[in-house]
């Protein structure tokens, strides 16, 4: 599996009576077996305020490579895929509890995550 890109963004309301603005989406794109796939992780935006409780990250951006900044929301799907490579067979996951969100970052190799993010930011890809 070759990782190609990771990004994240805050959802915005499509209509006045929807709740998208309470959520973030993180994506990681990779190729496997000649086909390109993307894993989407949707989670409650509030969990980012608690990131210091379960990760070494307390501020955004979490990484900076020259002038390129990587925010926490950019690496959530990447962390999930690195932690659990079986997720490559999924298209979307929804993380609805703080405990489930924290488990993505539990026992994660943050130096490896940083090197992967740097490689992706430089458009080099990363073989996982």
N, C-alpha and C. Protein backbone atom coordinates (compact mmCIF):
# COMPACT_ATOMS: atom_id res chain seq x y z
N UNK A 1 0.86 -1.17 0.00
CA UNK A 1 0.00 0.00 0.00
C UNK A 1 0.90 1.23 0.00
N UNK A 2 0.64 2.13 -0.94
CA UNK A 2 1.41 3.37 -1.04
C UNK A 2 0.49 4.54 -0.71
N UNK A 3 0.83 5.24 0.35
CA UNK A 3 0.07 6.42 0.77
C UNK A 3 0.40 7.57 -0.17
N UNK A 4 -0.62 8.29 -0.58
CA UNK A 4 -0.43 9.37 -1.55
C UNK A 4 -0.66 10.76 -0.95
N UNK A 5 -1.70 10.91 -0.13
CA UNK A 5 -2.04 12.23 0.39
C UNK A 5 -2.93 12.10 1.61
N UNK A 6 -2.88 13.11 2.46
CA UNK A 6 -3.81 13.18 3.59
C UNK A 6 -4.22 14.64 3.74
N UNK A 7 -5.48 14.82 4.09
CA UNK A 7 -6.00 16.17 4.30
C UNK A 7 -7.22 16.10 5.18
N UNK A 8 -7.56 17.22 5.75
CA UNK A 8 -8.74 17.29 6.59
C UNK A 8 -9.39 18.65 6.45
N UNK A 9 -10.65 18.71 6.80
CA UNK A 9 -11.34 19.98 6.71
C UNK A 9 -12.55 19.98 7.64
N UNK A 10 -12.95 21.19 7.97
CA UNK A 10 -14.13 21.39 8.79
C UNK A 10 -15.34 21.45 7.87
N UNK A 11 -16.36 20.70 8.20
CA UNK A 11 -17.57 20.74 7.40
C UNK A 11 -18.34 22.02 7.69
N UNK A 12 -19.06 22.47 6.70
CA UNK A 12 -19.87 23.68 6.85
C UNK A 12 -21.33 23.33 6.59
N UNK A 13 -22.20 24.12 7.15
CA UNK A 13 -23.64 23.88 6.98
C UNK A 13 -24.03 24.00 5.51
N UNK A 14 -24.74 23.00 5.03
CA UNK A 14 -25.29 23.06 3.67
C UNK A 14 -26.63 23.78 3.70
N UNK A 15 -27.38 23.55 4.77
CA UNK A 15 -28.68 24.18 4.98
C UNK A 15 -28.74 24.68 6.42
N UNK A 16 -29.57 25.67 6.71
CA UNK A 16 -29.63 26.21 8.07
C UNK A 16 -30.02 25.20 9.15
N UNK A 17 -30.73 24.16 8.79
CA UNK A 17 -31.20 23.21 9.81
C UNK A 17 -30.38 21.93 9.87
N UNK A 18 -29.14 21.95 9.34
CA UNK A 18 -28.28 20.77 9.40
C UNK A 18 -27.17 20.99 10.42
N UNK A 19 -26.49 19.91 10.78
CA UNK A 19 -25.49 20.00 11.85
C UNK A 19 -24.06 19.74 11.37
N UNK A 20 -23.80 19.90 10.08
CA UNK A 20 -22.45 19.62 9.56
C UNK A 20 -21.36 20.42 10.27
N UNK A 21 -21.68 21.62 10.73
CA UNK A 21 -20.65 22.46 11.33
C UNK A 21 -20.16 21.95 12.68
N UNK A 22 -20.65 20.82 13.14
CA UNK A 22 -20.16 20.19 14.36
C UNK A 22 -19.15 19.08 14.06
N UNK A 23 -18.83 18.87 12.79
CA UNK A 23 -18.01 17.73 12.39
C UNK A 23 -16.82 18.14 11.53
N UNK A 24 -15.79 17.29 11.59
CA UNK A 24 -14.63 17.40 10.71
C UNK A 24 -14.52 16.12 9.92
N UNK A 25 -13.90 16.22 8.76
CA UNK A 25 -13.63 15.04 7.94
C UNK A 25 -12.14 15.01 7.64
N UNK A 26 -11.56 13.85 7.81
CA UNK A 26 -10.17 13.63 7.49
C UNK A 26 -10.11 12.54 6.43
N UNK A 27 -9.18 12.69 5.48
CA UNK A 27 -9.08 11.73 4.39
C UNK A 27 -7.63 11.33 4.18
N UNK A 28 -7.42 10.08 3.84
CA UNK A 28 -6.11 9.61 3.40
C UNK A 28 -6.32 8.83 2.11
N UNK A 29 -5.53 9.17 1.10
CA UNK A 29 -5.63 8.54 -0.21
C UNK A 29 -4.41 7.65 -0.40
N UNK A 30 -4.64 6.46 -0.93
CA UNK A 30 -3.57 5.50 -1.12
C UNK A 30 -3.86 4.62 -2.33
N UNK A 31 -2.83 3.96 -2.82
CA UNK A 31 -3.02 3.01 -3.90
C UNK A 31 -2.66 1.62 -3.39
N UNK A 32 -3.44 0.67 -3.86
CA UNK A 32 -3.20 -0.72 -3.50
C UNK A 32 -3.71 -1.59 -4.63
N UNK A 33 -2.86 -2.50 -5.09
CA UNK A 33 -3.26 -3.38 -6.17
C UNK A 33 -3.62 -2.65 -7.44
N UNK A 34 -2.98 -1.51 -7.68
CA UNK A 34 -3.22 -0.76 -8.90
C UNK A 34 -4.42 0.18 -8.86
N UNK A 35 -5.19 0.15 -7.79
CA UNK A 35 -6.34 1.07 -7.73
C UNK A 35 -6.16 2.07 -6.59
N UNK A 36 -6.67 3.27 -6.83
CA UNK A 36 -6.58 4.33 -5.83
C UNK A 36 -7.83 4.31 -4.96
N UNK A 37 -7.61 4.41 -3.65
CA UNK A 37 -8.71 4.39 -2.69
C UNK A 37 -8.54 5.55 -1.72
N UNK A 38 -9.65 5.95 -1.10
CA UNK A 38 -9.62 6.99 -0.08
C UNK A 38 -10.42 6.53 1.13
N UNK A 39 -9.82 6.68 2.30
CA UNK A 39 -10.50 6.41 3.56
C UNK A 39 -10.93 7.74 4.14
N UNK A 40 -12.23 7.89 4.43
CA UNK A 40 -12.79 9.11 5.01
C UNK A 40 -13.13 8.82 6.47
N UNK A 41 -12.67 9.68 7.36
CA UNK A 41 -13.00 9.56 8.78
C UNK A 41 -13.78 10.80 9.18
N UNK A 42 -15.02 10.60 9.60
CA UNK A 42 -15.87 11.69 10.06
C UNK A 42 -15.92 11.62 11.59
N UNK A 43 -15.72 12.76 12.23
CA UNK A 43 -15.72 12.77 13.70
C UNK A 43 -16.22 14.11 14.22
N UNK A 44 -16.59 14.11 15.48
CA UNK A 44 -17.11 15.30 16.14
C UNK A 44 -15.95 16.29 16.34
N UNK A 45 -16.12 17.51 15.87
CA UNK A 45 -15.08 18.53 15.93
C UNK A 45 -14.57 18.77 17.35
N UNK A 46 -15.43 18.65 18.32
CA UNK A 46 -15.07 18.87 19.73
C UNK A 46 -13.88 18.01 20.16
N UNK A 47 -13.73 16.82 19.57
CA UNK A 47 -12.64 15.92 19.95
C UNK A 47 -11.27 16.57 19.74
N UNK A 48 -11.17 17.49 18.80
CA UNK A 48 -9.89 18.16 18.56
C UNK A 48 -9.48 19.03 19.74
N UNK A 49 -10.44 19.55 20.48
CA UNK A 49 -10.12 20.35 21.65
C UNK A 49 -9.48 19.50 22.74
N UNK A 50 -9.69 18.19 22.68
CA UNK A 50 -9.18 17.28 23.70
C UNK A 50 -7.91 16.56 23.26
N UNK A 51 -7.36 16.92 22.11
CA UNK A 51 -6.24 16.18 21.53
C UNK A 51 -5.05 16.05 22.47
N UNK A 52 -4.82 17.01 23.32
CA UNK A 52 -3.72 16.95 24.28
C UNK A 52 -3.90 15.88 25.34
N UNK A 53 -5.13 15.38 25.52
CA UNK A 53 -5.40 14.33 26.51
C UNK A 53 -4.95 12.96 26.05
N UNK A 54 -4.84 12.76 24.74
CA UNK A 54 -4.51 11.42 24.24
C UNK A 54 -3.42 11.43 23.18
N UNK A 55 -2.82 12.58 22.91
CA UNK A 55 -1.72 12.67 21.95
C UNK A 55 -0.73 13.74 22.44
N UNK A 56 0.45 13.78 21.85
CA UNK A 56 1.41 14.81 22.27
C UNK A 56 1.11 16.18 21.65
N UNK A 57 0.05 16.27 20.88
CA UNK A 57 -0.29 17.51 20.19
C UNK A 57 -1.20 18.38 21.04
N UNK A 58 -0.78 19.64 21.23
CA UNK A 58 -1.59 20.56 22.01
C UNK A 58 -2.02 21.78 21.19
N UNK A 59 -1.28 22.05 20.11
CA UNK A 59 -1.54 23.23 19.29
C UNK A 59 -1.64 22.81 17.83
N UNK A 60 -2.30 23.65 17.05
CA UNK A 60 -2.31 23.49 15.59
C UNK A 60 -1.47 24.61 15.01
N UNK A 61 -0.69 24.38 14.01
CA UNK A 61 -0.47 23.12 13.31
C UNK A 61 0.36 22.15 14.16
N UNK A 62 0.15 20.85 13.92
CA UNK A 62 0.88 19.84 14.69
C UNK A 62 2.27 19.60 14.12
N UNK A 63 2.42 19.81 12.81
CA UNK A 63 3.72 19.70 12.14
C UNK A 63 3.88 20.89 11.22
N UNK A 64 5.14 21.28 11.03
CA UNK A 64 5.44 22.31 10.06
C UNK A 64 6.70 21.90 9.32
N UNK A 65 6.59 21.83 8.01
CA UNK A 65 7.71 21.44 7.16
C UNK A 65 7.99 22.61 6.22
N UNK A 66 8.94 23.44 6.59
CA UNK A 66 9.18 24.66 5.83
C UNK A 66 7.98 25.56 5.97
N UNK A 67 7.39 25.94 4.85
CA UNK A 67 6.21 26.80 4.90
C UNK A 67 4.91 26.00 4.92
N UNK A 68 5.00 24.68 4.84
CA UNK A 68 3.81 23.83 4.83
C UNK A 68 3.40 23.48 6.26
N UNK A 69 2.13 23.69 6.55
CA UNK A 69 1.59 23.40 7.88
C UNK A 69 0.64 22.22 7.79
N UNK A 70 0.76 21.31 8.76
CA UNK A 70 -0.13 20.15 8.85
C UNK A 70 -0.93 20.29 10.13
N UNK A 71 -2.25 20.33 9.98
CA UNK A 71 -3.14 20.47 11.12
C UNK A 71 -3.59 19.12 11.62
N UNK A 72 -4.09 19.08 12.83
CA UNK A 72 -4.53 17.83 13.44
C UNK A 72 -5.56 17.12 12.57
N UNK A 73 -6.51 17.86 12.04
CA UNK A 73 -7.56 17.24 11.21
C UNK A 73 -6.99 16.60 9.95
N UNK A 74 -5.79 17.04 9.52
CA UNK A 74 -5.16 16.47 8.34
C UNK A 74 -4.61 15.07 8.59
N UNK A 75 -4.34 14.73 9.84
CA UNK A 75 -3.67 13.45 10.11
C UNK A 75 -4.54 12.41 10.80
N UNK A 76 -5.79 12.71 11.08
CA UNK A 76 -6.66 11.75 11.79
C UNK A 76 -6.84 10.47 10.98
N UNK A 77 -7.21 10.60 9.71
CA UNK A 77 -7.40 9.40 8.88
C UNK A 77 -6.08 8.68 8.67
N UNK A 78 -5.01 9.43 8.51
CA UNK A 78 -3.68 8.83 8.37
C UNK A 78 -3.33 8.02 9.61
N UNK A 79 -3.55 8.60 10.78
CA UNK A 79 -3.27 7.88 12.03
C UNK A 79 -4.12 6.62 12.14
N UNK A 80 -5.39 6.72 11.76
CA UNK A 80 -6.27 5.55 11.82
C UNK A 80 -5.78 4.43 10.92
N UNK A 81 -5.33 4.78 9.72
CA UNK A 81 -4.86 3.77 8.77
C UNK A 81 -3.51 3.18 9.19
N UNK A 82 -2.62 4.01 9.72
CA UNK A 82 -1.33 3.52 10.20
C UNK A 82 -1.54 2.58 11.39
N UNK A 83 -2.44 2.97 12.27
CA UNK A 83 -2.72 2.16 13.47
C UNK A 83 -3.43 0.86 13.11
N UNK A 84 -4.33 0.91 12.14
CA UNK A 84 -5.15 -0.24 11.79
C UNK A 84 -5.20 -0.40 10.27
N UNK A 85 -4.18 -1.04 9.68
CA UNK A 85 -4.13 -1.17 8.22
C UNK A 85 -5.33 -1.91 7.61
N UNK A 86 -6.08 -2.64 8.41
CA UNK A 86 -7.27 -3.33 7.88
C UNK A 86 -8.33 -2.34 7.41
N UNK A 87 -8.23 -1.10 7.85
CA UNK A 87 -9.18 -0.07 7.42
C UNK A 87 -9.06 0.24 5.93
N UNK A 88 -8.01 -0.27 5.29
CA UNK A 88 -7.85 -0.01 3.85
C UNK A 88 -9.00 -0.60 3.03
N UNK A 89 -9.73 -1.53 3.63
CA UNK A 89 -10.87 -2.14 2.96
C UNK A 89 -12.16 -1.36 3.18
N UNK A 90 -12.09 -0.27 3.92
CA UNK A 90 -13.27 0.55 4.20
C UNK A 90 -13.19 1.85 3.41
N UNK A 91 -14.33 2.44 3.15
CA UNK A 91 -14.36 3.75 2.50
C UNK A 91 -14.57 4.86 3.50
N UNK A 92 -15.43 4.58 4.49
CA UNK A 92 -15.78 5.61 5.48
C UNK A 92 -15.88 4.99 6.87
N UNK A 93 -15.48 5.79 7.85
CA UNK A 93 -15.76 5.41 9.23
C UNK A 93 -16.24 6.66 9.96
N UNK A 94 -17.09 6.44 10.91
CA UNK A 94 -17.63 7.52 11.73
C UNK A 94 -17.21 7.26 13.17
N UNK A 95 -16.54 8.22 13.75
CA UNK A 95 -16.07 8.10 15.13
C UNK A 95 -16.98 8.97 15.99
N UNK A 96 -17.76 8.31 16.84
CA UNK A 96 -18.79 9.05 17.57
C UNK A 96 -18.51 9.23 19.05
N UNK A 97 -17.51 8.52 19.58
CA UNK A 97 -17.23 8.67 21.01
C UNK A 97 -15.79 9.12 21.23
N UNK A 98 -15.59 9.82 22.32
CA UNK A 98 -14.26 10.29 22.67
C UNK A 98 -13.31 9.11 22.87
N UNK A 99 -13.79 8.05 23.48
CA UNK A 99 -12.97 6.86 23.72
C UNK A 99 -12.51 6.23 22.41
N UNK A 100 -13.41 6.12 21.46
CA UNK A 100 -13.07 5.57 20.15
C UNK A 100 -12.07 6.47 19.43
N UNK A 101 -12.24 7.77 19.54
CA UNK A 101 -11.32 8.72 18.91
C UNK A 101 -9.93 8.61 19.54
N UNK A 102 -9.90 8.56 20.86
CA UNK A 102 -8.62 8.45 21.57
C UNK A 102 -7.89 7.16 21.23
N UNK A 103 -8.63 6.09 20.96
CA UNK A 103 -8.00 4.80 20.65
C UNK A 103 -7.21 4.85 19.34
N UNK A 104 -7.56 5.75 18.44
CA UNK A 104 -6.80 5.91 17.20
C UNK A 104 -5.37 6.33 17.51
N UNK A 105 -5.18 7.12 18.54
CA UNK A 105 -3.88 7.69 18.85
C UNK A 105 -3.13 6.95 19.96
N UNK A 106 -3.76 5.96 20.54
CA UNK A 106 -3.14 5.20 21.62
C UNK A 106 -2.03 4.31 21.05
N UNK A 107 -0.86 4.36 21.66
CA UNK A 107 0.31 3.55 21.27
C UNK A 107 0.72 3.76 19.82
N UNK A 108 0.52 4.95 19.30
CA UNK A 108 0.89 5.28 17.93
C UNK A 108 2.33 5.78 17.91
N UNK A 109 3.09 5.41 16.90
CA UNK A 109 4.47 5.88 16.73
C UNK A 109 4.41 7.27 16.08
N UNK A 110 4.55 8.31 16.88
CA UNK A 110 4.37 9.67 16.40
C UNK A 110 5.52 10.13 15.52
N UNK A 111 6.71 9.59 15.71
CA UNK A 111 7.83 9.92 14.83
C UNK A 111 7.58 9.36 13.43
N UNK A 112 7.04 8.14 13.37
CA UNK A 112 6.70 7.54 12.08
C UNK A 112 5.59 8.36 11.42
N UNK A 113 4.60 8.77 12.21
CA UNK A 113 3.50 9.58 11.68
C UNK A 113 4.03 10.89 11.11
N UNK A 114 4.97 11.49 11.81
CA UNK A 114 5.57 12.75 11.34
C UNK A 114 6.32 12.53 10.03
N UNK A 115 7.10 11.46 9.93
CA UNK A 115 7.86 11.22 8.70
C UNK A 115 6.93 10.91 7.53
N UNK A 116 5.83 10.20 7.79
CA UNK A 116 4.85 9.93 6.73
C UNK A 116 4.22 11.24 6.27
N UNK A 117 3.79 12.06 7.22
CA UNK A 117 3.17 13.35 6.89
C UNK A 117 4.12 14.23 6.09
N UNK A 118 5.38 14.24 6.47
CA UNK A 118 6.37 15.05 5.74
C UNK A 118 6.54 14.54 4.31
N UNK A 119 6.61 13.23 4.16
CA UNK A 119 6.74 12.64 2.83
C UNK A 119 5.52 12.97 1.96
N UNK A 120 4.33 12.90 2.54
CA UNK A 120 3.11 13.21 1.79
C UNK A 120 3.03 14.69 1.45
N UNK A 121 3.47 15.55 2.36
CA UNK A 121 3.45 16.99 2.11
C UNK A 121 4.39 17.37 0.97
N UNK A 122 5.46 16.58 0.81
CA UNK A 122 6.41 16.82 -0.26
C UNK A 122 6.07 16.04 -1.53
N UNK A 123 4.85 15.47 -1.57
CA UNK A 123 4.34 14.74 -2.72
C UNK A 123 5.21 13.56 -3.13
N UNK A 124 5.82 12.92 -2.15
CA UNK A 124 6.69 11.78 -2.44
C UNK A 124 6.02 10.44 -2.25
N UNK A 125 4.89 10.42 -1.54
CA UNK A 125 4.24 9.15 -1.23
C UNK A 125 5.01 8.43 -0.13
N UNK A 126 4.42 7.36 0.37
CA UNK A 126 5.04 6.60 1.45
C UNK A 126 4.51 5.17 1.38
N UNK A 127 5.43 4.20 1.35
CA UNK A 127 5.01 2.81 1.31
C UNK A 127 4.79 2.31 2.73
N UNK A 128 3.60 1.82 2.99
CA UNK A 128 3.24 1.35 4.33
C UNK A 128 3.16 -0.17 4.32
